[in-house]
Amino acid sequence: MMPKHCFLGLLIMFLTGATAVLTVVSNDVLATLETQPAHVSLNPQKVQFQSRNFHNILHWQPGSSVSSNGSIYFVQYKMYGQRQWKDKIDCWGTTVLFCDLTNETLDPYEPYYGRVMMAWAGSHSAWTRTARFTPWWETKLDPPVVTITRVNASLRVFLRPPELPNRNQTGKNTSMENYYNLVYRVFTINNSLEKEQKVYEGTQRAVEIEGLTPHSSYCVAAEMYQPMFDRRSPRSKERCVQIP
């Protein structure tokens, strides 16, 4: 028998028979609990990817018969077409209801699956699998980063799409523009008149706004639009400036 001092953390082993052995190790104490076959009511619910700017997070909810208290979860993933599931070590025996699989799903054009199993009160669930997830189709856009500079009575607006976790060969983060045709929309809000106007729509990331009313306060906000998907980002936070 392996000495107890060799065990640290949490180890769970599921046997192929009708029962399984849940082995819990904490503070050099080894406890072995016999569990029953998988219970359908314990199966994790709403197992799905939520993706923003190719940051791909797996989320789930506890099974219908339990709360999240005292339950632990085990996460695996694979690319579509692969037969073997891979363990996500950082989420093996986790107590939270999400798992960051960004580094395991870096190719935005490839489809992936994730799955989750739960252990609770001496029992365990079956695996619950996501639908097929392709980051390029499903990721949501954050708004562009907006910088404005006042030049006399005009404004220069600089737009930058959000950075992505994918890194190119030079080690720098790639841009959303590497994967999509993006259209930028820029809006001004005249605070004095409480009037909003779209002043630009196009692909340029540097925009000059002229013809502003002197002695007025203006705010600028922008959004990105994906024509292929007819999908737009939320608006950026407003940037405000006083026109002399």
Protein backbone atom coordinates (compact mmCIF):
# COMPACT_ATOMS: atom_id res chain seq x y z
CA MET A 1 0.00 0.00 0.00
CA MET A 2 1.28 3.45 -0.85
CA PRO A 3 2.31 5.43 2.26
CA LYS A 4 -0.10 8.17 3.32
CA HIS A 5 2.58 10.83 3.24
CA CYS A 6 2.85 10.40 -0.54
CA PHE A 7 -0.67 11.74 -1.02
CA LEU A 8 -1.48 15.44 -1.30
CA GLY A 9 -4.52 17.28 -2.62
CA LEU A 10 -7.49 15.40 -4.05
CA LEU A 11 -7.62 12.12 -6.04
CA ILE A 12 -10.76 10.59 -7.45
CA MET A 13 -10.89 7.23 -9.19
CA PHE A 14 -13.94 5.83 -10.93
CA LEU A 15 -14.03 2.05 -11.51
CA THR A 16 -15.73 0.32 -14.43
CA GLY A 17 -18.03 -1.80 -12.23
CA ALA A 18 -21.27 -0.86 -10.55
CA THR A 19 -19.47 0.95 -7.75
CA ALA A 20 -16.57 3.34 -7.56
CA VAL A 21 -14.06 4.45 -4.98
CA LEU A 22 -13.80 8.08 -4.01
CA THR A 23 -10.38 8.70 -2.48
CA VAL A 24 -10.02 11.96 -0.60
CA VAL A 25 -6.69 13.11 0.74
CA SER A 26 -6.31 16.18 2.96
CA ASN A 27 -3.64 17.01 5.54
CA ASP A 28 -1.93 13.65 4.91
CA VAL A 29 -5.10 11.77 5.90
CA LEU A 30 -6.35 9.20 3.41
CA ALA A 31 -10.06 8.37 3.52
CA THR A 32 -11.72 5.96 1.14
CA LEU A 33 -15.47 6.18 0.61
CA GLU A 34 -17.42 3.72 -1.48
CA THR A 35 -19.80 5.42 -3.84
CA GLN A 36 -22.86 4.23 -5.72
CA PRO A 37 -23.37 4.21 -9.49
CA ALA A 38 -23.87 7.56 -11.21
CA HIS A 39 -27.13 9.33 -10.31
CA VAL A 40 -28.96 11.20 -13.06
CA SER A 41 -30.21 13.84 -10.60
CA LEU A 42 -26.59 14.76 -9.85
CA ASN A 43 -25.68 15.44 -13.47
CA PRO A 44 -24.38 19.01 -13.95
CA GLN A 45 -26.87 21.26 -15.75
CA LYS A 46 -26.47 23.98 -18.42
CA VAL A 47 -22.92 22.96 -19.30
CA GLN A 48 -21.88 25.48 -21.94
CA PHE A 49 -19.09 27.70 -23.17
CA GLN A 50 -19.33 31.45 -22.72
CA SER A 51 -16.84 33.31 -24.88
CA ARG A 52 -15.79 36.97 -25.12
CA ASN A 53 -12.95 38.02 -27.40
CA PHE A 54 -11.86 34.35 -27.62
CA HIS A 55 -11.60 34.02 -23.85
CA ASN A 56 -13.48 30.73 -23.59
CA ILE A 57 -14.92 29.85 -20.18
CA LEU A 58 -16.87 26.68 -19.46
CA HIS A 59 -19.85 27.25 -17.13
CA TRP A 60 -22.31 24.88 -15.50
CA GLN A 61 -24.90 24.55 -12.72
CA PRO A 62 -25.28 21.84 -10.03
CA GLY A 63 -27.48 18.84 -10.60
CA SER A 64 -31.19 19.15 -9.92
CA SER A 65 -31.10 17.36 -6.56
CA VAL A 66 -28.23 19.22 -4.87
CA SER A 67 -26.90 22.67 -4.17
CA SER A 68 -23.32 23.67 -4.90
CA ASN A 69 -22.36 23.23 -1.23
CA GLY A 70 -20.05 20.27 -0.70
CA SER A 71 -19.91 19.27 -4.35
CA ILE A 72 -16.75 18.97 -6.41
CA TYR A 73 -16.40 18.95 -10.19
CA PHE A 74 -14.11 17.41 -12.77
CA VAL A 75 -13.58 18.91 -16.23
CA GLN A 76 -12.38 17.37 -19.47
CA TYR A 77 -12.14 18.71 -23.02
CA LYS A 78 -11.29 17.63 -26.54
CA MET A 79 -11.22 18.90 -30.10
CA TYR A 80 -13.92 17.66 -32.44
CA GLY A 81 -12.76 14.43 -34.10
CA GLN A 82 -10.49 13.37 -31.25
CA ARG A 83 -11.42 10.17 -29.42
CA GLN A 84 -9.56 10.79 -26.18
CA TRP A 85 -10.76 13.29 -23.61
CA LYS A 86 -8.11 15.31 -21.76
CA ASP A 87 -8.22 16.28 -18.09
CA LYS A 88 -8.13 19.98 -17.22
CA ILE A 89 -5.80 19.73 -14.24
CA ASP A 90 -6.63 23.16 -12.83
CA CYS A 91 -10.31 22.18 -12.73
CA TRP A 92 -9.92 18.60 -11.50
CA GLY A 93 -11.72 18.56 -8.17
CA THR A 94 -12.80 22.20 -8.31
CA THR A 95 -15.59 23.60 -6.15
CA VAL A 96 -16.50 26.53 -8.43
CA LEU A 97 -18.99 26.46 -11.31
CA PHE A 98 -16.70 27.52 -14.14
CA CYS A 99 -13.40 26.58 -15.75
CA ASP A 100 -11.16 28.66 -18.02
CA LEU A 101 -10.43 26.60 -21.16
CA THR A 102 -9.00 29.46 -23.20
CA ASN A 103 -5.54 27.89 -23.57
CA GLU A 104 -7.10 24.55 -24.52
CA THR A 105 -9.30 26.11 -27.25
CA LEU A 106 -6.91 28.60 -28.87
CA ASP A 107 -7.65 27.77 -32.52
CA PRO A 108 -10.76 29.88 -33.20
CA TYR A 109 -11.72 27.89 -36.29
CA GLU A 110 -11.69 24.46 -34.65
CA PRO A 111 -14.75 23.01 -32.89
CA TYR A 112 -14.36 21.77 -29.31
CA TYR A 113 -16.28 19.98 -26.59
CA GLY A 114 -16.11 20.24 -22.82
CA ARG A 115 -17.71 18.02 -20.23
CA VAL A 116 -18.23 18.05 -16.46
CA MET A 117 -18.79 15.38 -13.80
CA MET A 118 -19.78 16.00 -10.17
CA ALA A 119 -19.11 14.14 -6.92
CA TRP A 120 -21.27 14.87 -3.90
CA ALA A 121 -22.13 13.14 -0.60
CA GLY A 122 -20.50 9.84 -1.53
CA SER A 123 -22.06 9.68 -5.01
CA HIS A 124 -21.06 10.83 -8.46
CA SER A 125 -22.83 11.92 -11.63
CA ALA A 126 -22.35 10.92 -15.21
CA TRP A 127 -20.48 13.26 -17.56
CA THR A 128 -22.50 16.14 -19.03
CA ARG A 129 -21.16 17.39 -22.35
CA THR A 130 -21.46 20.74 -24.11
CA ALA A 131 -22.78 21.24 -27.58
CA ARG A 132 -20.12 21.65 -30.23
CA PHE A 133 -18.34 24.96 -29.65
CA THR A 134 -16.45 26.88 -32.35
CA PRO A 135 -14.92 30.11 -30.99
CA TRP A 136 -14.91 31.95 -34.33
CA TRP A 137 -18.69 31.54 -34.67
CA GLU A 138 -19.69 32.09 -31.09
CA THR A 139 -17.39 34.55 -29.34
CA LYS A 140 -18.92 37.90 -28.36
CA LEU A 141 -17.24 41.24 -28.97
CA ASP A 142 -16.31 43.78 -26.37
CA PRO A 143 -16.44 47.44 -27.47
CA PRO A 144 -13.41 49.10 -28.99
CA VAL A 145 -11.04 51.07 -26.81
CA VAL A 146 -11.60 54.78 -27.53
CA THR A 147 -9.07 57.60 -27.14
CA ILE A 148 -9.93 61.20 -28.06
CA THR A 149 -7.78 64.28 -28.51
CA ARG A 150 -9.13 67.81 -28.93
CA VAL A 151 -7.51 69.91 -31.66
CA ASN A 152 -9.00 73.43 -31.53
CA ALA A 153 -12.72 72.91 -32.30
CA SER A 154 -12.40 69.37 -33.66
CA LEU A 155 -11.83 65.95 -32.15
CA ARG A 156 -9.53 63.16 -33.22
CA VAL A 157 -10.82 59.76 -32.24
CA PHE A 158 -8.59 56.69 -32.15
CA LEU A 159 -10.16 53.23 -32.02
CA ARG A 160 -8.58 49.95 -31.01
CA PRO A 161 -10.30 46.56 -30.97
CA PRO A 162 -9.95 44.46 -27.81
CA GLU A 163 -6.85 42.31 -27.50
CA LEU A 164 -7.18 38.56 -27.75
CA PRO A 165 -5.47 35.73 -25.84
CA ASN A 166 -4.09 34.25 -29.08
CA ARG A 167 -0.44 35.12 -29.58
CA ASN A 168 1.41 35.29 -32.90
CA GLN A 169 4.95 34.12 -33.58
CA THR A 170 6.46 37.31 -32.14
CA GLY A 171 4.68 36.75 -28.83
CA LYS A 172 2.29 39.69 -29.25
CA ASN A 173 -1.46 39.46 -28.88
CA THR A 174 -3.32 39.33 -32.15
CA SER A 175 -6.18 41.65 -33.04
CA MET A 176 -9.83 40.93 -33.66
CA GLU A 177 -9.20 42.31 -37.15
CA ASN A 178 -7.08 39.22 -37.88
CA TYR A 179 -10.27 37.14 -37.83
CA TYR A 180 -13.16 39.40 -38.82
CA ASN A 181 -14.01 42.27 -41.13
CA LEU A 182 -14.94 44.96 -38.64
CA VAL A 183 -16.88 48.17 -39.13
CA TYR A 184 -16.51 50.94 -36.55
CA ARG A 185 -19.37 53.24 -35.62
CA VAL A 186 -18.65 56.49 -33.78
CA PHE A 187 -21.31 58.56 -32.01
CA THR A 188 -21.20 62.03 -30.51
CA ILE A 189 -23.51 63.28 -27.79
CA ASN A 190 -23.98 67.03 -27.46
CA ASN A 191 -24.65 67.37 -23.76
CA SER A 192 -26.09 70.87 -24.11
CA LEU A 193 -28.71 69.80 -26.63
CA GLU A 194 -29.01 66.22 -25.36
CA LYS A 195 -28.61 65.18 -28.98
CA GLU A 196 -26.88 62.05 -30.27
CA GLN A 197 -25.47 61.71 -33.78
CA LYS A 198 -23.62 58.97 -35.62
CA VAL A 199 -20.64 60.77 -37.13
CA TYR A 200 -18.71 57.88 -38.65
CA GLU A 201 -19.16 54.33 -39.94
CA GLY A 202 -16.29 52.57 -41.66
CA THR A 203 -13.13 50.53 -41.28
CA GLN A 204 -10.67 53.29 -40.35
CA ARG A 205 -9.44 53.41 -36.78
CA ALA A 206 -8.57 57.12 -36.78
CA VAL A 207 -11.49 59.51 -37.21
CA GLU A 208 -11.60 63.32 -37.34
CA ILE A 209 -14.80 64.95 -36.07
CA GLU A 210 -15.31 68.54 -37.21
CA GLY A 211 -18.09 71.11 -37.19
CA LEU A 212 -18.68 70.94 -33.45
CA THR A 213 -20.54 73.76 -31.69
CA PRO A 214 -18.21 76.07 -29.73
CA HIS A 215 -18.60 76.34 -25.97
CA SER A 216 -20.32 72.97 -25.84
CA SER A 217 -19.60 69.71 -24.08
CA TYR A 218 -19.39 66.57 -26.21
CA CYS A 219 -19.09 62.91 -25.36
CA VAL A 220 -17.88 60.25 -27.79
CA ALA A 221 -18.72 56.53 -27.81
CA ALA A 222 -18.07 53.77 -30.34
CA GLU A 223 -19.05 50.22 -31.17
CA MET A 224 -17.87 47.48 -33.52
CA TYR A 225 -20.05 45.74 -36.06
CA GLN A 226 -19.53 42.36 -37.79
CA PRO A 227 -21.38 42.46 -41.13
CA MET A 228 -21.00 38.70 -41.69
CA PHE A 229 -22.95 37.87 -38.53
CA ASP A 230 -25.02 41.06 -38.34
CA ARG A 231 -23.67 41.34 -34.81
CA ARG A 232 -22.41 44.36 -32.92
CA SER A 233 -20.54 44.93 -29.71
CA PRO A 234 -21.83 46.97 -26.78
CA ARG A 235 -20.92 50.64 -26.88
CA SER A 236 -17.73 51.83 -25.32
CA LYS A 237 -17.67 53.99 -22.24
CA GLU A 238 -18.30 57.64 -23.17
CA ARG A 239 -15.29 59.96 -23.37
CA CYS A 240 -16.18 63.61 -22.84
CA VAL A 241 -14.48 66.91 -23.68
CA GLN A 242 -15.31 70.63 -23.65
CA ILE A 243 -15.11 72.53 -26.95
CA PRO A 244 -13.74 76.10 -26.38
